[in-house]
Amino acid sequence: MAKRLRFEELFGTGFRWPHDGDDPFDLPDEDQQQVAVAADDFSRFFLMRDGYRKSADALVQRAVYDFREADYLVFPIVFLYRHALELNLKYIINHYGPHVGIDPIWNAHEFDRLWPKFLEVLDGFGTQDPDQADRIVGGIIAEFGNLDPRSFSFRYPRDNQGNPVPLAKDRLDLIRLRDVMDGVFGYFSGTDGYLSDLVNV
């Protein structure tokens, strides 16, 4: 029996099955909705940085709307927020660091390498922190670093040696997570705007 027919028999529903001519990147109909993919790396950096965050927010909204989905969505949600954090740090380091003699850093995923380099950039510009936001965000970043040190924990159940990846938490509050991340990404947006003004003075 064909796999498709067996699946349909087991689950009592039809499946969209692959067929000749399938090409996920073909643009066969100009009337269909199409999205432009940014060609230059600066635009992609900006769009990726915000896109991963927006995707995580949308998945949290989906999980809240239909909590039966939450067990599936928690993994991409945490991964997407973590990756958005990484891209925000790399954006500040790589875009503003050279203005104060700090080399770009592309080959690290670990927050215990990226966060200190980010702080060096801020120190290089002589930024102040009267409301202790640097300390607060640093603590949140450290929590993510403990939860997912190398960006594997919420992408794979086993590491590249085949060992089970332990999880530091067995329960998460997705609404609280989204709220806290809203503050963190507000911090990064504010930092970007502040440093941009200093660079363009």
C-alpha atoms as a PDB file:
ATOM      1  CA  MET A   1       0.000   0.000   0.000  1.00  0.00           C
ATOM      2  CA  ALA A   2       1.342   3.484  -0.841  1.00  0.00           C
ATOM      3  CA  LYS A   3       2.521   5.571   2.107  1.00  0.00           C
ATOM      4  CA  ARG A   4       0.005   8.298   1.329  1.00  0.00           C
ATOM      5  CA  LEU A   5      -2.919   5.871   1.336  1.00  0.00           C
ATOM      6  CA  ARG A   6      -1.711   4.280   4.564  1.00  0.00           C
ATOM      7  CA  PHE A   7      -1.459   7.683   6.264  1.00  0.00           C
ATOM      8  CA  GLU A   8      -4.891   8.666   5.046  1.00  0.00           C
ATOM      9  CA  GLU A   9      -6.293   5.376   6.305  1.00  0.00           C
ATOM     10  CA  LEU A  10      -4.652   5.785   9.735  1.00  0.00           C
ATOM     11  CA  PHE A  11      -5.585   9.413  10.268  1.00  0.00           C
ATOM     12  CA  GLY A  12      -8.850   9.544   8.370  1.00  0.00           C
ATOM     13  CA  THR A  13      -7.884  12.587   6.351  1.00  0.00           C
ATOM     14  CA  GLY A  14      -6.220  13.526   3.082  1.00  0.00           C
ATOM     15  CA  PHE A  15      -2.622  14.690   2.934  1.00  0.00           C
ATOM     16  CA  ARG A  16      -1.019  17.205   0.634  1.00  0.00           C
ATOM     17  CA  TRP A  17       1.420  14.808  -1.037  1.00  0.00           C
ATOM     18  CA  PRO A  18       4.533  15.726  -3.109  1.00  0.00           C
ATOM     19  CA  HIS A  19       4.075  15.736  -6.866  1.00  0.00           C
ATOM     20  CA  ASP A  20       6.131  16.455  -9.977  1.00  0.00           C
ATOM     21  CA  GLY A  21       6.847  20.118 -10.455  1.00  0.00           C
ATOM     22  CA  ASP A  22       7.068  20.919  -6.730  1.00  0.00           C
ATOM     23  CA  ASP A  23       9.685  23.653  -6.241  1.00  0.00           C
ATOM     24  CA  PRO A  24       9.443  25.597  -2.977  1.00  0.00           C
ATOM     25  CA  PHE A  25      11.327  28.574  -4.422  1.00  0.00           C
ATOM     26  CA  ASP A  26       9.631  28.832  -7.813  1.00  0.00           C
ATOM     27  CA  LEU A  27       7.614  31.967  -8.593  1.00  0.00           C
ATOM     28  CA  PRO A  28       5.023  30.567 -10.997  1.00  0.00           C
ATOM     29  CA  ASP A  29       2.312  33.192 -10.555  1.00  0.00           C
ATOM     30  CA  GLU A  30       3.010  36.922 -10.291  1.00  0.00           C
ATOM     31  CA  ASP A  31      -0.429  37.399  -8.708  1.00  0.00           C
ATOM     32  CA  GLN A  32       0.487  35.325  -5.668  1.00  0.00           C
ATOM     33  CA  GLN A  33       1.909  37.032  -2.603  1.00  0.00           C
ATOM     34  CA  GLN A  34       5.666  37.284  -2.883  1.00  0.00           C
ATOM     35  CA  VAL A  35       8.211  38.652  -0.478  1.00  0.00           C
ATOM     36  CA  ALA A  36      11.425  40.394  -1.440  1.00  0.00           C
ATOM     37  CA  VAL A  37      14.578  38.959   0.140  1.00  0.00           C
ATOM     38  CA  ALA A  38      16.990  41.758   1.020  1.00  0.00           C
ATOM     39  CA  ALA A  39      20.120  41.621  -1.120  1.00  0.00           C
ATOM     40  CA  ASP A  40      22.581  43.599   0.996  1.00  0.00           C
ATOM     41  CA  ASP A  41      23.979  42.199   4.215  1.00  0.00           C
ATOM     42  CA  PHE A  42      23.243  45.285   6.343  1.00  0.00           C
ATOM     43  CA  SER A  43      19.531  45.150   5.510  1.00  0.00           C
ATOM     44  CA  ARG A  44      19.484  41.390   6.118  1.00  0.00           C
ATOM     45  CA  PHE A  45      21.179  41.875   9.496  1.00  0.00           C
ATOM     46  CA  PHE A  46      18.519  44.372  10.543  1.00  0.00           C
ATOM     47  CA  LEU A  47      15.618  42.296   9.187  1.00  0.00           C
ATOM     48  CA  MET A  48      16.900  39.031  10.665  1.00  0.00           C
ATOM     49  CA  ARG A  49      17.505  40.655  14.044  1.00  0.00           C
ATOM     50  CA  ASP A  50      13.919  41.866  14.250  1.00  0.00           C
ATOM     51  CA  GLY A  51      12.406  38.991  12.272  1.00  0.00           C
ATOM     52  CA  TYR A  52      13.439  36.293  14.724  1.00  0.00           C
ATOM     53  CA  ARG A  53      12.007  38.333  17.583  1.00  0.00           C
ATOM     54  CA  LYS A  54       8.724  38.996  15.732  1.00  0.00           C
ATOM     55  CA  SER A  55       8.459  35.301  14.875  1.00  0.00           C
ATOM     56  CA  ALA A  56       8.870  34.327  18.523  1.00  0.00           C
ATOM     57  CA  ASP A  57       6.218  36.868  19.556  1.00  0.00           C
ATOM     58  CA  ALA A  58       3.812  35.486  16.946  1.00  0.00           C
ATOM     59  CA  LEU A  59       4.363  31.916  18.136  1.00  0.00           C
ATOM     60  CA  VAL A  60       3.738  32.939  21.745  1.00  0.00           C
ATOM     61  CA  GLN A  61       0.480  34.511  20.579  1.00  0.00           C
ATOM     62  CA  ARG A  62      -0.421  31.283  18.790  1.00  0.00           C
ATOM     63  CA  ALA A  63       0.396  29.181  21.866  1.00  0.00           C
ATOM     64  CA  VAL A  64      -1.715  31.451  24.084  1.00  0.00           C
ATOM     65  CA  TYR A  65      -4.605  31.313  21.613  1.00  0.00           C
ATOM     66  CA  ASP A  66      -4.475  27.495  21.392  1.00  0.00           C
ATOM     67  CA  PHE A  67      -2.613  26.114  24.386  1.00  0.00           C
ATOM     68  CA  ARG A  68      -2.644  22.609  22.881  1.00  0.00           C
ATOM     69  CA  GLU A  69       0.026  23.975  20.510  1.00  0.00           C
ATOM     70  CA  ALA A  70       2.288  25.239  23.302  1.00  0.00           C
ATOM     71  CA  ASP A  71       4.179  21.953  23.821  1.00  0.00           C
ATOM     72  CA  TYR A  72       5.235  22.068  20.162  1.00  0.00           C
ATOM     73  CA  LEU A  73       5.900  25.777  19.940  1.00  0.00           C
ATOM     74  CA  VAL A  74       7.966  26.262  23.102  1.00  0.00           C
ATOM     75  CA  PHE A  75      11.105  24.952  21.369  1.00  0.00           C
ATOM     76  CA  PRO A  76      11.106  27.338  18.401  1.00  0.00           C
ATOM     77  CA  ILE A  77       9.940  30.178  20.680  1.00  0.00           C
ATOM     78  CA  VAL A  78      12.963  29.920  22.983  1.00  0.00           C
ATOM     79  CA  PHE A  79      15.325  29.307  20.071  1.00  0.00           C
ATOM     80  CA  LEU A  80      14.000  32.329  18.164  1.00  0.00           C
ATOM     81  CA  TYR A  81      14.276  34.638  21.180  1.00  0.00           C
ATOM     82  CA  ARG A  82      17.777  33.372  21.871  1.00  0.00           C
ATOM     83  CA  HIS A  83      18.838  33.875  18.273  1.00  0.00           C
ATOM     84  CA  ALA A  84      17.340  37.357  18.236  1.00  0.00           C
ATOM     85  CA  LEU A  85      19.389  38.172  21.352  1.00  0.00           C
ATOM     86  CA  GLU A  86      22.539  36.878  19.677  1.00  0.00           C
ATOM     87  CA  LEU A  87      21.875  38.944  16.548  1.00  0.00           C
ATOM     88  CA  ASN A  88      21.185  42.084  18.588  1.00  0.00           C
ATOM     89  CA  LEU A  89      24.480  41.699  20.421  1.00  0.00           C
ATOM     90  CA  LYS A  90      26.376  41.019  17.208  1.00  0.00           C
ATOM     91  CA  TYR A  91      24.693  43.952  15.505  1.00  0.00           C
ATOM     92  CA  ILE A  92      25.852  46.430  18.165  1.00  0.00           C
ATOM     93  CA  ILE A  93      29.342  44.893  18.400  1.00  0.00           C
ATOM     94  CA  ASN A  94      29.915  44.662  14.671  1.00  0.00           C
ATOM     95  CA  HIS A  95      28.244  47.905  13.644  1.00  0.00           C
ATOM     96  CA  TYR A  96      29.470  50.224  16.394  1.00  0.00           C
ATOM     97  CA  GLY A  97      32.546  48.437  17.767  1.00  0.00           C
ATOM     98  CA  PRO A  98      34.912  49.562  14.988  1.00  0.00           C
ATOM     99  CA  HIS A  99      34.153  53.214  15.901  1.00  0.00           C
ATOM    100  CA  VAL A 100      35.807  52.633  19.291  1.00  0.00           C
ATOM    101  CA  GLY A 101      38.541  50.201  18.251  1.00  0.00           C
ATOM    102  CA  ILE A 102      36.688  46.951  18.937  1.00  0.00           C
ATOM    103  CA  ASP A 103      36.931  44.236  16.310  1.00  0.00           C
ATOM    104  CA  PRO A 104      33.808  42.530  14.970  1.00  0.00           C
ATOM    105  CA  ILE A 105      32.995  39.087  16.329  1.00  0.00           C
ATOM    106  CA  TRP A 106      31.214  36.630  14.042  1.00  0.00           C
ATOM    107  CA  ASN A 107      32.403  33.216  15.211  1.00  0.00           C
ATOM    108  CA  ALA A 108      30.746  32.989  18.634  1.00  0.00           C
ATOM    109  CA  HIS A 109      27.301  31.946  19.806  1.00  0.00           C
ATOM    110  CA  GLU A 110      28.081  31.988  23.520  1.00  0.00           C
ATOM    111  CA  PHE A 111      26.697  34.877  25.503  1.00  0.00           C
ATOM    112  CA  ASP A 112      29.615  34.782  27.928  1.00  0.00           C
ATOM    113  CA  ARG A 113      31.753  35.936  24.981  1.00  0.00           C
ATOM    114  CA  LEU A 114      29.292  38.288  23.312  1.00  0.00           C
ATOM    115  CA  TRP A 115      27.966  40.178  26.343  1.00  0.00           C
ATOM    116  CA  PRO A 116      31.383  41.329  27.638  1.00  0.00           C
ATOM    117  CA  LYS A 117      32.289  42.484  24.117  1.00  0.00           C
ATOM    118  CA  PHE A 118      28.997  44.385  23.929  1.00  0.00           C
ATOM    119  CA  LEU A 119      29.835  46.108  27.230  1.00  0.00           C
ATOM    120  CA  GLU A 120      33.245  47.041  25.838  1.00  0.00           C
ATOM    121  CA  VAL A 121      31.490  48.834  22.993  1.00  0.00           C
ATOM    122  CA  LEU A 122      29.323  50.751  25.468  1.00  0.00           C
ATOM    123  CA  ASP A 123      32.381  51.622  27.562  1.00  0.00           C
ATOM    124  CA  GLY A 124      34.191  52.759  24.429  1.00  0.00           C
ATOM    125  CA  PHE A 125      31.442  55.298  23.825  1.00  0.00           C
ATOM    126  CA  GLY A 126      31.401  56.304  27.491  1.00  0.00           C
ATOM    127  CA  THR A 127      27.725  55.470  27.961  1.00  0.00           C
ATOM    128  CA  GLN A 128      26.153  55.857  31.384  1.00  0.00           C
ATOM    129  CA  ASP A 129      23.705  53.424  33.017  1.00  0.00           C
ATOM    130  CA  PRO A 130      21.758  55.360  35.670  1.00  0.00           C
ATOM    131  CA  ASP A 131      18.761  53.001  35.657  1.00  0.00           C
ATOM    132  CA  GLN A 132      20.935  49.848  35.855  1.00  0.00           C
ATOM    133  CA  ALA A 133      19.492  48.510  32.591  1.00  0.00           C
ATOM    134  CA  ASP A 134      22.889  47.063  31.589  1.00  0.00           C
ATOM    135  CA  ARG A 135      22.944  44.998  34.770  1.00  0.00           C
ATOM    136  CA  ILE A 136      19.335  43.850  34.365  1.00  0.00           C
ATOM    137  CA  VAL A 137      19.727  42.877  30.699  1.00  0.00           C
ATOM    138  CA  GLY A 138      23.061  41.229  31.493  1.00  0.00           C
ATOM    139  CA  GLY A 139      21.266  39.054  34.046  1.00  0.00           C
ATOM    140  CA  ILE A 140      18.599  38.075  31.523  1.00  0.00           C
ATOM    141  CA  ILE A 141      21.246  37.253  28.923  1.00  0.00           C
ATOM    142  CA  ALA A 142      23.049  35.130  31.516  1.00  0.00           C
ATOM    143  CA  GLU A 143      19.792  33.250  32.165  1.00  0.00           C
ATOM    144  CA  PHE A 144      19.530  32.482  28.453  1.00  0.00           C
ATOM    145  CA  GLY A 145      23.177  31.444  28.488  1.00  0.00           C
ATOM    146  CA  ASN A 146      22.483  29.013  31.327  1.00  0.00           C
ATOM    147  CA  LEU A 147      19.337  27.700  29.656  1.00  0.00           C
ATOM    148  CA  ASP A 148      20.897  27.290  26.214  1.00  0.00           C
ATOM    149  CA  PRO A 149      24.677  27.830  26.285  1.00  0.00           C
ATOM    150  CA  ARG A 150      25.494  27.218  22.603  1.00  0.00           C
ATOM    151  CA  SER A 151      22.121  27.545  20.884  1.00  0.00           C
ATOM    152  CA  PHE A 152      21.566  23.772  20.735  1.00  0.00           C
ATOM    153  CA  SER A 153      19.224  23.031  23.627  1.00  0.00           C
ATOM    154  CA  PHE A 154      15.990  24.060  21.927  1.00  0.00           C
ATOM    155  CA  ARG A 155      16.992  22.934  18.425  1.00  0.00           C
ATOM    156  CA  TYR A 156      18.106  19.347  19.009  1.00  0.00           C
ATOM    157  CA  PRO A 157      17.288  16.636  21.570  1.00  0.00           C
ATOM    158  CA  ARG A 158      20.893  15.320  21.339  1.00  0.00           C
ATOM    159  CA  ASP A 159      24.253  17.004  20.808  1.00  0.00           C
ATOM    160  CA  ASN A 160      26.627  16.288  17.922  1.00  0.00           C
ATOM    161  CA  GLN A 161      28.129  13.407  19.905  1.00  0.00           C
ATOM    162  CA  GLY A 162      24.724  11.766  20.289  1.00  0.00           C
ATOM    163  CA  ASN A 163      24.364  12.613  23.986  1.00  0.00           C
ATOM    164  CA  PRO A 164      20.970  13.807  25.270  1.00  0.00           C
ATOM    165  CA  VAL A 165      20.895  17.590  25.685  1.00  0.00           C
ATOM    166  CA  PRO A 166      19.776  18.386  29.245  1.00  0.00           C
ATOM    167  CA  LEU A 167      17.261  21.178  29.741  1.00  0.00           C
ATOM    168  CA  ALA A 168      17.736  23.578  32.638  1.00  0.00           C
ATOM    169  CA  LYS A 169      13.986  24.209  32.983  1.00  0.00           C
ATOM    170  CA  ASP A 170      11.001  21.913  32.656  1.00  0.00           C
ATOM    171  CA  ARG A 171       8.319  24.632  32.719  1.00  0.00           C
ATOM    172  CA  LEU A 172       8.125  28.115  31.178  1.00  0.00           C
ATOM    173  CA  ASP A 173       5.578  30.927  31.346  1.00  0.00           C
ATOM    174  CA  LEU A 174       5.376  32.058  27.728  1.00  0.00           C
ATOM    175  CA  ILE A 175       3.456  35.255  28.472  1.00  0.00           C
ATOM    176  CA  ARG A 176       6.046  36.344  31.034  1.00  0.00           C
ATOM    177  CA  LEU A 177       8.830  35.356  28.663  1.00  0.00           C
ATOM    178  CA  ARG A 178       7.387  37.541  25.900  1.00  0.00           C
ATOM    179  CA  ASP A 179       6.892  40.472  28.294  1.00  0.00           C
ATOM    180  CA  VAL A 180      10.467  40.323  29.600  1.00  0.00           C
ATOM    181  CA  MET A 181      11.829  39.990  26.066  1.00  0.00           C
ATOM    182  CA  ASP A 182       9.815  43.029  25.019  1.00  0.00           C
ATOM    183  CA  GLY A 183      11.787  45.029  27.576  1.00  0.00           C
ATOM    184  CA  VAL A 184      15.110  43.521  26.482  1.00  0.00           C
ATOM    185  CA  PHE A 185      14.528  44.297  22.810  1.00  0.00           C
ATOM    186  CA  GLY A 186      13.401  47.800  23.776  1.00  0.00           C
ATOM    187  CA  TYR A 187      16.777  48.167  25.505  1.00  0.00           C
ATOM    188  CA  PHE A 188      18.616  47.099  22.356  1.00  0.00           C
ATOM    189  CA  SER A 189      16.564  49.456  20.184  1.00  0.00           C
ATOM    190  CA  GLY A 190      17.318  52.320  22.547  1.00  0.00           C
ATOM    191  CA  THR A 191      21.009  51.443  22.598  1.00  0.00           C
ATOM    192  CA  ASP A 192      21.109  51.324  18.810  1.00  0.00           C
ATOM    193  CA  GLY A 193      19.431  54.730  18.535  1.00  0.00           C
ATOM    194  CA  TYR A 194      21.707  56.270  21.165  1.00  0.00           C
ATOM    195  CA  LEU A 195      24.909  54.971  19.579  1.00  0.00           C
ATOM    196  CA  SER A 196      23.696  55.945  16.117  1.00  0.00           C
ATOM    197  CA  ASP A 197      23.311  59.546  17.312  1.00  0.00           C
ATOM    198  CA  LEU A 198      26.847  59.527  18.750  1.00  0.00           C
ATOM    199  CA  VAL A 199      28.337  58.121  15.547  1.00  0.00           C
ATOM    200  CA  ASN A 200      26.499  60.635  13.365  1.00  0.00           C
ATOM    201  CA  VAL A 201      27.333  63.720  15.476  1.00  0.00           C
END
